[in-house]
Amino acid sequence: PLALDEKAKSLITEEASAVLMRLADRLEALENWNAEDLEAAVRATAEAESLKLGKIAQPLRAVLTGTTVSPGIFDVLDVLGREQSIGRIRDAAIT
């Protein structure tokens, strides 16, 4: 599991954790793993959860990078790859 800094940890609330787990399920089902499809999946999850994109993107950034600052979150997902991204989401969302 990736160590999160204190600011990043504060973003992983019970609600955020639940949303991230549902996002991980959606990401696992993606046929193509690229920034465009990843963005569509994250935005669809935000819409389905009646949340603004930032309410998913910030906790997602925290679990993927361990910090609250990173390059574009869809690019981060793309570069990390499917296995690493979903693994980090599930590891952090459980704790």
PDB file of N, CA and C in Angstrom:
ATOM      1  N   PRO A   1       0.830  -1.212   0.000  1.00  0.00           N
ATOM      2  CA  PRO A   1       0.000   0.000   0.000  1.00  0.00           C
ATOM      3  C   PRO A   1       0.867   1.267   0.000  1.00  0.00           C
ATOM      4  N   LEU A   2       0.372   2.286  -0.659  1.00  0.00           N
ATOM      5  CA  LEU A   2       1.048   3.570  -0.754  1.00  0.00           C
ATOM      6  C   LEU A   2       0.813   4.373   0.518  1.00  0.00           C
ATOM      7  N   ALA A   3       1.870   4.952   1.073  1.00  0.00           N
ATOM      8  CA  ALA A   3       1.738   5.807   2.254  1.00  0.00           C
ATOM      9  C   ALA A   3       1.149   7.154   1.828  1.00  0.00           C
ATOM     10  N   LEU A   4       0.163   7.632   2.564  1.00  0.00           N
ATOM     11  CA  LEU A   4      -0.469   8.911   2.275  1.00  0.00           C
ATOM     12  C   LEU A   4       0.023   9.958   3.254  1.00  0.00           C
ATOM     13  N   ASP A   5       0.267  11.189   2.763  1.00  0.00           N
ATOM     14  CA  ASP A   5       0.617  12.251   3.699  1.00  0.00           C
ATOM     15  C   ASP A   5      -0.651  12.648   4.471  1.00  0.00           C
ATOM     16  N   GLU A   6      -0.479  13.473   5.484  1.00  0.00           N
ATOM     17  CA  GLU A   6      -1.613  13.803   6.371  1.00  0.00           C
ATOM     18  C   GLU A   6      -2.763  14.487   5.633  1.00  0.00           C
ATOM     19  N   LYS A   7      -2.458  15.411   4.723  1.00  0.00           N
ATOM     20  CA  LYS A   7      -3.521  16.086   3.976  1.00  0.00           C
ATOM     21  C   LYS A   7      -4.277  15.089   3.107  1.00  0.00           C
ATOM     22  N   ALA A   8      -3.542  14.182   2.492  1.00  0.00           N
ATOM     23  CA  ALA A   8      -4.179  13.168   1.642  1.00  0.00           C
ATOM     24  C   ALA A   8      -5.061  12.252   2.484  1.00  0.00           C
ATOM     25  N   LYS A   9      -4.566  11.828   3.644  1.00  0.00           N
ATOM     26  CA  LYS A   9      -5.364  10.958   4.528  1.00  0.00           C
ATOM     27  C   LYS A   9      -6.682  11.602   4.914  1.00  0.00           C
ATOM     28  N   SER A  10      -6.648  12.919   5.141  1.00  0.00           N
ATOM     29  CA  SER A  10      -7.862  13.612   5.582  1.00  0.00           C
ATOM     30  C   SER A  10      -8.961  13.592   4.518  1.00  0.00           C
ATOM     31  N   LEU A  11      -8.603  13.353   3.271  1.00  0.00           N
ATOM     32  CA  LEU A  11      -9.589  13.302   2.187  1.00  0.00           C
ATOM     33  C   LEU A  11     -10.309  11.957   2.093  1.00  0.00           C
ATOM     34  N   ILE A  12      -9.758  10.939   2.743  1.00  0.00           N
ATOM     35  CA  ILE A  12     -10.328   9.594   2.638  1.00  0.00           C
ATOM     36  C   ILE A  12     -11.315   9.363   3.778  1.00  0.00           C
ATOM     37  N   THR A  13     -12.474   9.983   3.624  1.00  0.00           N
ATOM     38  CA  THR A  13     -13.555   9.815   4.593  1.00  0.00           C
ATOM     39  C   THR A  13     -14.285   8.513   4.300  1.00  0.00           C
ATOM     40  N   GLU A  14     -15.201   8.153   5.151  1.00  0.00           N
ATOM     41  CA  GLU A  14     -16.002   6.948   4.918  1.00  0.00           C
ATOM     42  C   GLU A  14     -16.784   7.066   3.610  1.00  0.00           C
ATOM     43  N   GLU A  15     -17.362   8.240   3.369  1.00  0.00           N
ATOM     44  CA  GLU A  15     -18.124   8.471   2.136  1.00  0.00           C
ATOM     45  C   GLU A  15     -17.201   8.396   0.913  1.00  0.00           C
ATOM     46  N   ALA A  16     -16.055   9.057   0.986  1.00  0.00           N
ATOM     47  CA  ALA A  16     -15.108   9.041  -0.133  1.00  0.00           C
ATOM     48  C   ALA A  16     -14.633   7.618  -0.411  1.00  0.00           C
ATOM     49  N   SER A  17     -14.392   6.864   0.639  1.00  0.00           N
ATOM     50  CA  SER A  17     -13.950   5.488   0.490  1.00  0.00           C
ATOM     51  C   SER A  17     -14.988   4.653  -0.256  1.00  0.00           C
ATOM     52  N   ALA A  18     -16.243   4.818   0.102  1.00  0.00           N
ATOM     53  CA  ALA A  18     -17.322   4.073  -0.555  1.00  0.00           C
ATOM     54  C   ALA A  18     -17.424   4.448  -2.032  1.00  0.00           C
ATOM     55  N   VAL A  19     -17.316   5.732  -2.335  1.00  0.00           N
ATOM     56  CA  VAL A  19     -17.374   6.191  -3.723  1.00  0.00           C
ATOM     57  C   VAL A  19     -16.180   5.640  -4.507  1.00  0.00           C
ATOM     58  N   LEU A  20     -14.993   5.658  -3.899  1.00  0.00           N
ATOM     59  CA  LEU A  20     -13.807   5.145  -4.579  1.00  0.00           C
ATOM     60  C   LEU A  20     -13.926   3.649  -4.879  1.00  0.00           C
ATOM     61  N   MET A  21     -14.536   2.909  -3.990  1.00  0.00           N
ATOM     62  CA  MET A  21     -14.724   1.476  -4.248  1.00  0.00           C
ATOM     63  C   MET A  21     -15.655   1.268  -5.445  1.00  0.00           C
ATOM     64  N   ARG A  22     -16.708   2.071  -5.543  1.00  0.00           N
ATOM     65  CA  ARG A  22     -17.611   1.961  -6.689  1.00  0.00           C
ATOM     66  C   ARG A  22     -16.901   2.407  -7.978  1.00  0.00           C
ATOM     67  N   LEU A  23     -16.051   3.422  -7.856  1.00  0.00           N
ATOM     68  CA  LEU A  23     -15.255   3.857  -9.004  1.00  0.00           C
ATOM     69  C   LEU A  23     -14.307   2.738  -9.443  1.00  0.00           C
ATOM     70  N   ALA A  24     -13.680   2.067  -8.508  1.00  0.00           N
ATOM     71  CA  ALA A  24     -12.770   0.963  -8.839  1.00  0.00           C
ATOM     72  C   ALA A  24     -13.511  -0.121  -9.619  1.00  0.00           C
ATOM     73  N   ASP A  25     -14.733  -0.427  -9.215  1.00  0.00           N
ATOM     74  CA  ASP A  25     -15.541  -1.412  -9.942  1.00  0.00           C
ATOM     75  C   ASP A  25     -15.761  -0.963 -11.385  1.00  0.00           C
ATOM     76  N   ARG A  26     -16.067   0.313 -11.562  1.00  0.00           N
ATOM     77  CA  ARG A  26     -16.311   0.854 -12.907  1.00  0.00           C
ATOM     78  C   ARG A  26     -15.023   0.815 -13.732  1.00  0.00           C
ATOM     79  N   LEU A  27     -13.908   1.157 -13.111  1.00  0.00           N
ATOM     80  CA  LEU A  27     -12.629   1.159 -13.826  1.00  0.00           C
ATOM     81  C   LEU A  27     -12.220  -0.257 -14.237  1.00  0.00           C
ATOM     82  N   GLU A  28     -12.487  -1.219 -13.376  1.00  0.00           N
ATOM     83  CA  GLU A  28     -12.160  -2.608 -13.712  1.00  0.00           C
ATOM     84  C   GLU A  28     -12.897  -3.078 -14.953  1.00  0.00           C
ATOM     85  N   ALA A  29     -14.076  -2.533 -15.178  1.00  0.00           N
ATOM     86  CA  ALA A  29     -14.904  -2.958 -16.310  1.00  0.00           C
ATOM     87  C   ALA A  29     -14.531  -2.268 -17.623  1.00  0.00           C
ATOM     88  N   LEU A  30     -13.643  -1.277 -17.566  1.00  0.00           N
ATOM     89  CA  LEU A  30     -13.267  -0.566 -18.790  1.00  0.00           C
ATOM     90  C   LEU A  30     -12.568  -1.489 -19.773  1.00  0.00           C
ATOM     91  N   GLU A  31     -12.963  -1.372 -21.015  1.00  0.00           N
ATOM     92  CA  GLU A  31     -12.324  -2.159 -22.067  1.00  0.00           C
ATOM     93  C   GLU A  31     -10.964  -1.549 -22.426  1.00  0.00           C
ATOM     94  N   ASN A  32     -10.946  -0.225 -22.569  1.00  0.00           N
ATOM     95  CA  ASN A  32      -9.716   0.481 -22.940  1.00  0.00           C
ATOM     96  C   ASN A  32      -9.224   1.326 -21.774  1.00  0.00           C
ATOM     97  N   TRP A  33      -7.938   1.233 -21.494  1.00  0.00           N
ATOM     98  CA  TRP A  33      -7.338   2.000 -20.396  1.00  0.00           C
ATOM     99  C   TRP A  33      -6.532   3.141 -21.009  1.00  0.00           C
ATOM    100  N   ASN A  34      -7.196   4.279 -21.193  1.00  0.00           N
ATOM    101  CA  ASN A  34      -6.525   5.469 -21.708  1.00  0.00           C
ATOM    102  C   ASN A  34      -7.156   6.683 -21.044  1.00  0.00           C
ATOM    103  N   ALA A  35      -6.463   7.815 -21.104  1.00  0.00           N
ATOM    104  CA  ALA A  35      -6.908   9.007 -20.377  1.00  0.00           C
ATOM    105  C   ALA A  35      -8.339   9.407 -20.736  1.00  0.00           C
ATOM    106  N   GLU A  36      -8.706   9.303 -21.997  1.00  0.00           N
ATOM    107  CA  GLU A  36     -10.045   9.700 -22.424  1.00  0.00           C
ATOM    108  C   GLU A  36     -11.125   8.814 -21.807  1.00  0.00           C
ATOM    109  N   ASP A  37     -10.952   7.511 -21.875  1.00  0.00           N
ATOM    110  CA  ASP A  37     -11.933   6.585 -21.301  1.00  0.00           C
ATOM    111  C   ASP A  37     -11.948   6.658 -19.777  1.00  0.00           C
ATOM    112  N   LEU A  38     -10.784   6.880 -19.188  1.00  0.00           N
ATOM    113  CA  LEU A  38     -10.707   7.012 -17.732  1.00  0.00           C
ATOM    114  C   LEU A  38     -11.454   8.261 -17.268  1.00  0.00           C
ATOM    115  N   GLU A  39     -11.268   9.356 -17.989  1.00  0.00           N
ATOM    116  CA  GLU A  39     -11.984  10.586 -17.646  1.00  0.00           C
ATOM    117  C   GLU A  39     -13.490  10.363 -17.739  1.00  0.00           C
ATOM    118  N   ALA A  40     -13.933   9.707 -18.800  1.00  0.00           N
ATOM    119  CA  ALA A  40     -15.368   9.440 -18.961  1.00  0.00           C
ATOM    120  C   ALA A  40     -15.898   8.597 -17.805  1.00  0.00           C
ATOM    121  N   ALA A  41     -15.131   7.608 -17.366  1.00  0.00           N
ATOM    122  CA  ALA A  41     -15.567   6.737 -16.265  1.00  0.00           C
ATOM    123  C   ALA A  41     -15.641   7.501 -14.950  1.00  0.00           C
ATOM    124  N   VAL A  42     -14.650   8.346 -14.691  1.00  0.00           N
ATOM    125  CA  VAL A  42     -14.657   9.124 -13.445  1.00  0.00           C
ATOM    126  C   VAL A  42     -15.820  10.122 -13.466  1.00  0.00           C
ATOM    127  N   ARG A  43     -16.005  10.789 -14.592  1.00  0.00           N
ATOM    128  CA  ARG A  43     -17.115  11.748 -14.696  1.00  0.00           C
ATOM    129  C   ARG A  43     -18.472  11.046 -14.574  1.00  0.00           C
ATOM    130  N   ALA A  44     -18.612   9.866 -15.168  1.00  0.00           N
ATOM    131  CA  ALA A  44     -19.863   9.111 -15.062  1.00  0.00           C
ATOM    132  C   ALA A  44     -20.126   8.707 -13.620  1.00  0.00           C
ATOM    133  N   THR A  45     -19.076   8.348 -12.897  1.00  0.00           N
ATOM    134  CA  THR A  45     -19.236   7.998 -11.488  1.00  0.00           C
ATOM    135  C   THR A  45     -19.668   9.217 -10.691  1.00  0.00           C
ATOM    136  N   ALA A  46     -19.048  10.357 -10.946  1.00  0.00           N
ATOM    137  CA  ALA A  46     -19.430  11.590 -10.244  1.00  0.00           C
ATOM    138  C   ALA A  46     -20.897  11.902 -10.498  1.00  0.00           C
ATOM    139  N   GLU A  47     -21.319  11.787 -11.747  1.00  0.00           N
ATOM    140  CA  GLU A  47     -22.714  12.060 -12.085  1.00  0.00           C
ATOM    141  C   GLU A  47     -23.647  11.062 -11.406  1.00  0.00           C
ATOM    142  N   ALA A  48     -23.294   9.791 -11.423  1.00  0.00           N
ATOM    143  CA  ALA A  48     -24.125   8.756 -10.810  1.00  0.00           C
ATOM    144  C   ALA A  48     -24.238   8.955  -9.301  1.00  0.00           C
ATOM    145  N   GLU A  49     -23.195   9.511  -8.704  1.00  0.00           N
ATOM    146  CA  GLU A  49     -23.172   9.743  -7.260  1.00  0.00           C
ATOM    147  C   GLU A  49     -23.713  11.128  -6.886  1.00  0.00           C
ATOM    148  N   SER A  50     -24.108  11.912  -7.897  1.00  0.00           N
ATOM    149  CA  SER A  50     -24.574  13.296  -7.695  1.00  0.00           C
ATOM    150  C   SER A  50     -23.511  14.139  -6.986  1.00  0.00           C
ATOM    151  N   LEU A  51     -22.274  13.985  -7.441  1.00  0.00           N
ATOM    152  CA  LEU A  51     -21.151  14.718  -6.867  1.00  0.00           C
ATOM    153  C   LEU A  51     -20.472  15.549  -7.937  1.00  0.00           C
ATOM    154  N   LYS A  52     -19.854  16.648  -7.501  1.00  0.00           N
ATOM    155  CA  LYS A  52     -19.005  17.393  -8.416  1.00  0.00           C
ATOM    156  C   LYS A  52     -17.727  16.594  -8.620  1.00  0.00           C
ATOM    157  N   LEU A  53     -17.095  16.783  -9.762  1.00  0.00           N
ATOM    158  CA  LEU A  53     -15.901  16.020 -10.106  1.00  0.00           C
ATOM    159  C   LEU A  53     -14.830  16.095  -9.020  1.00  0.00           C
ATOM    160  N   GLY A  54     -14.632  17.257  -8.422  1.00  0.00           N
ATOM    161  CA  GLY A  54     -13.609  17.427  -7.392  1.00  0.00           C
ATOM    162  C   GLY A  54     -13.813  16.543  -6.173  1.00  0.00           C
ATOM    163  N   LYS A  55     -15.055  16.204  -5.879  1.00  0.00           N
ATOM    164  CA  LYS A  55     -15.351  15.350  -4.727  1.00  0.00           C
ATOM    165  C   LYS A  55     -14.881  13.921  -4.945  1.00  0.00           C
ATOM    166  N   ILE A  56     -14.641  13.550  -6.196  1.00  0.00           N
ATOM    167  CA  ILE A  56     -14.063  12.242  -6.502  1.00  0.00           C
ATOM    168  C   ILE A  56     -12.585  12.401  -6.850  1.00  0.00           C
ATOM    169  N   ALA A  57     -12.265  13.437  -7.619  1.00  0.00           N
ATOM    170  CA  ALA A  57     -10.895  13.607  -8.105  1.00  0.00           C
ATOM    171  C   ALA A  57      -9.894  13.828  -6.968  1.00  0.00           C
ATOM    172  N   GLN A  58     -10.261  14.583  -5.967  1.00  0.00           N
ATOM    173  CA  GLN A  58      -9.307  14.851  -4.882  1.00  0.00           C
ATOM    174  C   GLN A  58      -8.986  13.593  -4.064  1.00  0.00           C
ATOM    175  N   PRO A  59      -9.988  12.851  -3.588  1.00  0.00           N
ATOM    176  CA  PRO A  59      -9.652  11.597  -2.900  1.00  0.00           C
ATOM    177  C   PRO A  59      -8.939  10.605  -3.816  1.00  0.00           C
ATOM    178  N   LEU A  60      -9.328  10.591  -5.091  1.00  0.00           N
ATOM    179  CA  LEU A  60      -8.667   9.707  -6.054  1.00  0.00           C
ATOM    180  C   LEU A  60      -7.196  10.076  -6.189  1.00  0.00           C
ATOM    181  N   ARG A  61      -6.914  11.351  -6.310  1.00  0.00           N
ATOM    182  CA  ARG A  61      -5.527  11.834  -6.388  1.00  0.00           C
ATOM    183  C   ARG A  61      -4.760  11.395  -5.130  1.00  0.00           C
ATOM    184  N   ALA A  62      -5.391  11.523  -3.994  1.00  0.00           N
ATOM    185  CA  ALA A  62      -4.735  11.166  -2.734  1.00  0.00           C
ATOM    186  C   ALA A  62      -4.343   9.688  -2.705  1.00  0.00           C
ATOM    187  N   VAL A  63      -5.260   8.817  -3.116  1.00  0.00           N
ATOM    188  CA  VAL A  63      -4.954   7.383  -3.047  1.00  0.00           C
ATOM    189  C   VAL A  63      -3.990   6.930  -4.133  1.00  0.00           C
ATOM    190  N   LEU A  64      -3.968   7.640  -5.263  1.00  0.00           N
ATOM    191  CA  LEU A  64      -3.068   7.259  -6.346  1.00  0.00           C
ATOM    192  C   LEU A  64      -1.653   7.762  -6.137  1.00  0.00           C
ATOM    193  N   THR A  65      -1.515   8.958  -5.535  1.00  0.00           N
ATOM    194  CA  THR A  65      -0.193   9.582  -5.429  1.00  0.00           C
ATOM    195  C   THR A  65       0.311   9.733  -3.999  1.00  0.00           C
ATOM    196  N   GLY A  66      -0.589   9.635  -3.031  1.00  0.00           N
ATOM    197  CA  GLY A  66      -0.201   9.821  -1.632  1.00  0.00           C
ATOM    198  C   GLY A  66      -0.160  11.276  -1.205  1.00  0.00           C
ATOM    199  N   THR A  67      -0.481  12.185  -2.132  1.00  0.00           N
ATOM    200  CA  THR A  67      -0.474  13.619  -1.839  1.00  0.00           C
ATOM    201  C   THR A  67      -1.732  14.261  -2.417  1.00  0.00           C
ATOM    202  N   THR A  68      -1.856  15.564  -2.195  1.00  0.00           N
ATOM    203  CA  THR A  68      -3.006  16.295  -2.721  1.00  0.00           C
ATOM    204  C   THR A  68      -2.666  17.065  -3.992  1.00  0.00           C
ATOM    205  N   VAL A  69      -1.423  16.914  -4.475  1.00  0.00           N
ATOM    206  CA  VAL A  69      -0.979  17.614  -5.679  1.00  0.00           C
ATOM    207  C   VAL A  69      -0.383  16.587  -6.637  1.00  0.00           C
ATOM    208  N   SER A  70      -0.768  16.680  -7.910  1.00  0.00           N
ATOM    209  CA  SER A  70      -0.232  15.747  -8.907  1.00  0.00           C
ATOM    210  C   SER A  70      -0.485  16.304 -10.299  1.00  0.00           C
ATOM    211  N   PRO A  71       0.084  15.671 -11.302  1.00  0.00           N
ATOM    212  CA  PRO A  71      -0.325  15.992 -12.671  1.00  0.00           C
ATOM    213  C   PRO A  71      -1.810  15.657 -12.826  1.00  0.00           C
ATOM    214  N   GLY A  72      -2.369  15.885 -13.989  1.00  0.00           N
ATOM    215  CA  GLY A  72      -3.778  15.588 -14.237  1.00  0.00           C
ATOM    216  C   GLY A  72      -4.132  14.169 -13.812  1.00  0.00           C
ATOM    217  N   ILE A  73      -5.223  14.020 -13.097  1.00  0.00           N
ATOM    218  CA  ILE A  73      -5.574  12.743 -12.487  1.00  0.00           C
ATOM    219  C   ILE A  73      -5.833  11.647 -13.524  1.00  0.00           C
ATOM    220  N   PHE A  74      -6.358  12.020 -14.683  1.00  0.00           N
ATOM    221  CA  PHE A  74      -6.619  11.013 -15.710  1.00  0.00           C
ATOM    222  C   PHE A  74      -5.310  10.518 -16.324  1.00  0.00           C
ATOM    223  N   ASP A  75      -4.347  11.433 -16.436  1.00  0.00           N
ATOM    224  CA  ASP A  75      -3.010  11.047 -16.910  1.00  0.00           C
ATOM    225  C   ASP A  75      -2.316  10.150 -15.884  1.00  0.00           C
ATOM    226  N   VAL A  76      -2.503  10.455 -14.607  1.00  0.00           N
ATOM    227  CA  VAL A  76      -1.907   9.633 -13.550  1.00  0.00           C
ATOM    228  C   VAL A  76      -2.462   8.211 -13.634  1.00  0.00           C
ATOM    229  N   LEU A  77      -3.771   8.088 -13.763  1.00  0.00           N
ATOM    230  CA  LEU A  77      -4.386   6.768 -13.907  1.00  0.00           C
ATOM    231  C   LEU A  77      -3.802   6.031 -15.107  1.00  0.00           C
ATOM    232  N   ASP A  78      -3.695   6.725 -16.228  1.00  0.00           N
ATOM    233  CA  ASP A  78      -3.195   6.129 -17.460  1.00  0.00           C
ATOM    234  C   ASP A  78      -1.753   5.638 -17.288  1.00  0.00           C
ATOM    235  N   VAL A  79      -0.899   6.467 -16.725  1.00  0.00           N
ATOM    236  CA  VAL A  79       0.515   6.114 -16.572  1.00  0.00           C
ATOM    237  C   VAL A  79       0.703   4.975 -15.558  1.00  0.00           C
ATOM    238  N   LEU A  80      -0.045   5.016 -14.457  1.00  0.00           N
ATOM    239  CA  LEU A  80       0.080   3.946 -13.456  1.00  0.00           C
ATOM    240  C   LEU A  80      -0.395   2.601 -14.007  1.00  0.00           C
ATOM    241  N   GLY A  81      -1.372   2.641 -14.891  1.00  0.00           N
ATOM    242  CA  GLY A  81      -1.913   1.412 -15.458  1.00  0.00           C
ATOM    243  C   GLY A  81      -3.061   0.863 -14.631  1.00  0.00           C
ATOM    244  N   ARG A  82      -3.773  -0.063 -15.222  1.00  0.00           N
ATOM    245  CA  ARG A  82      -4.978  -0.634 -14.612  1.00  0.00           C
ATOM    246  C   ARG A  82      -4.691  -1.298 -13.265  1.00  0.00           C
ATOM    247  N   GLU A  83      -3.764  -2.237 -13.240  1.00  0.00           N
ATOM    248  CA  GLU A  83      -3.515  -3.017 -12.028  1.00  0.00           C
ATOM    249  C   GLU A  83      -3.056  -2.139 -10.862  1.00  0.00           C
ATOM    250  N   GLN A  84      -2.086  -1.278 -11.122  1.00  0.00           N
ATOM    251  CA  GLN A  84      -1.549  -0.423 -10.063  1.00  0.00           C
ATOM    252  C   GLN A  84      -2.596   0.582  -9.570  1.00  0.00           C
ATOM    253  N   SER A  85      -3.328   1.195 -10.501  1.00  0.00           N
ATOM    254  CA  SER A  85      -4.342   2.187 -10.120  1.00  0.00           C
ATOM    255  C   SER A  85      -5.445   1.570  -9.273  1.00  0.00           C
ATOM    256  N   ILE A  86      -6.005   0.473  -9.742  1.00  0.00           N
ATOM    257  CA  ILE A  86      -7.101  -0.163  -9.008  1.00  0.00           C
ATOM    258  C   ILE A  86      -6.594  -0.708  -7.678  1.00  0.00           C
ATOM    259  N   GLY A  87      -5.411  -1.244  -7.662  1.00  0.00           N
ATOM    260  CA  GLY A  87      -4.816  -1.720  -6.410  1.00  0.00           C
ATOM    261  C   GLY A  87      -4.668  -0.617  -5.380  1.00  0.00           C
ATOM    262  N   ARG A  88      -4.183   0.544  -5.814  1.00  0.00           N
ATOM    263  CA  ARG A  88      -4.018   1.669  -4.888  1.00  0.00           C
ATOM    264  C   ARG A  88      -5.363   2.195  -4.394  1.00  0.00           C
ATOM    265  N   ILE A  89      -6.341   2.240  -5.278  1.00  0.00           N
ATOM    266  CA  ILE A  89      -7.675   2.686  -4.869  1.00  0.00           C
ATOM    267  C   ILE A  89      -8.239   1.746  -3.821  1.00  0.00           C
ATOM    268  N   ARG A  90      -8.188   0.467  -4.083  1.00  0.00           N
ATOM    269  CA  ARG A  90      -8.750  -0.515  -3.145  1.00  0.00           C
ATOM    270  C   ARG A  90      -7.958  -0.560  -1.836  1.00  0.00           C
ATOM    271  N   ASP A  91      -6.645  -0.472  -1.882  1.00  0.00           N
ATOM    272  CA  ASP A  91      -5.826  -0.480  -0.663  1.00  0.00           C
ATOM    273  C   ASP A  91      -6.177   0.688   0.246  1.00  0.00           C
ATOM    274  N   ALA A  92      -6.246   1.882  -0.326  1.00  0.00           N
ATOM    275  CA  ALA A  92      -6.486   3.071   0.480  1.00  0.00           C
ATOM    276  C   ALA A  92      -7.942   3.193   0.903  1.00  0.00           C
ATOM    277  N   ALA A  93      -8.854   2.748   0.052  1.00  0.00           N
ATOM    278  CA  ALA A  93     -10.276   2.889   0.373  1.00  0.00           C
ATOM    279  C   ALA A  93     -10.691   1.976   1.511  1.00  0.00           C
ATOM    280  N   ILE A  94      -9.977   0.889   1.700  1.00  0.00           N
ATOM    281  CA  ILE A  94     -10.318  -0.053   2.761  1.00  0.00           C
ATOM    282  C   ILE A  94      -9.896   0.470   4.127  1.00  0.00           C
ATOM    283  N   THR A  95      -8.765   1.165   4.164  1.00  0.00           N
ATOM    284  CA  THR A  95      -8.225   1.622   5.455  1.00  0.00           C
ATOM    285  C   THR A  95      -8.912   2.830   5.996  1.00  0.00           C
TER     286      THR A  95
END
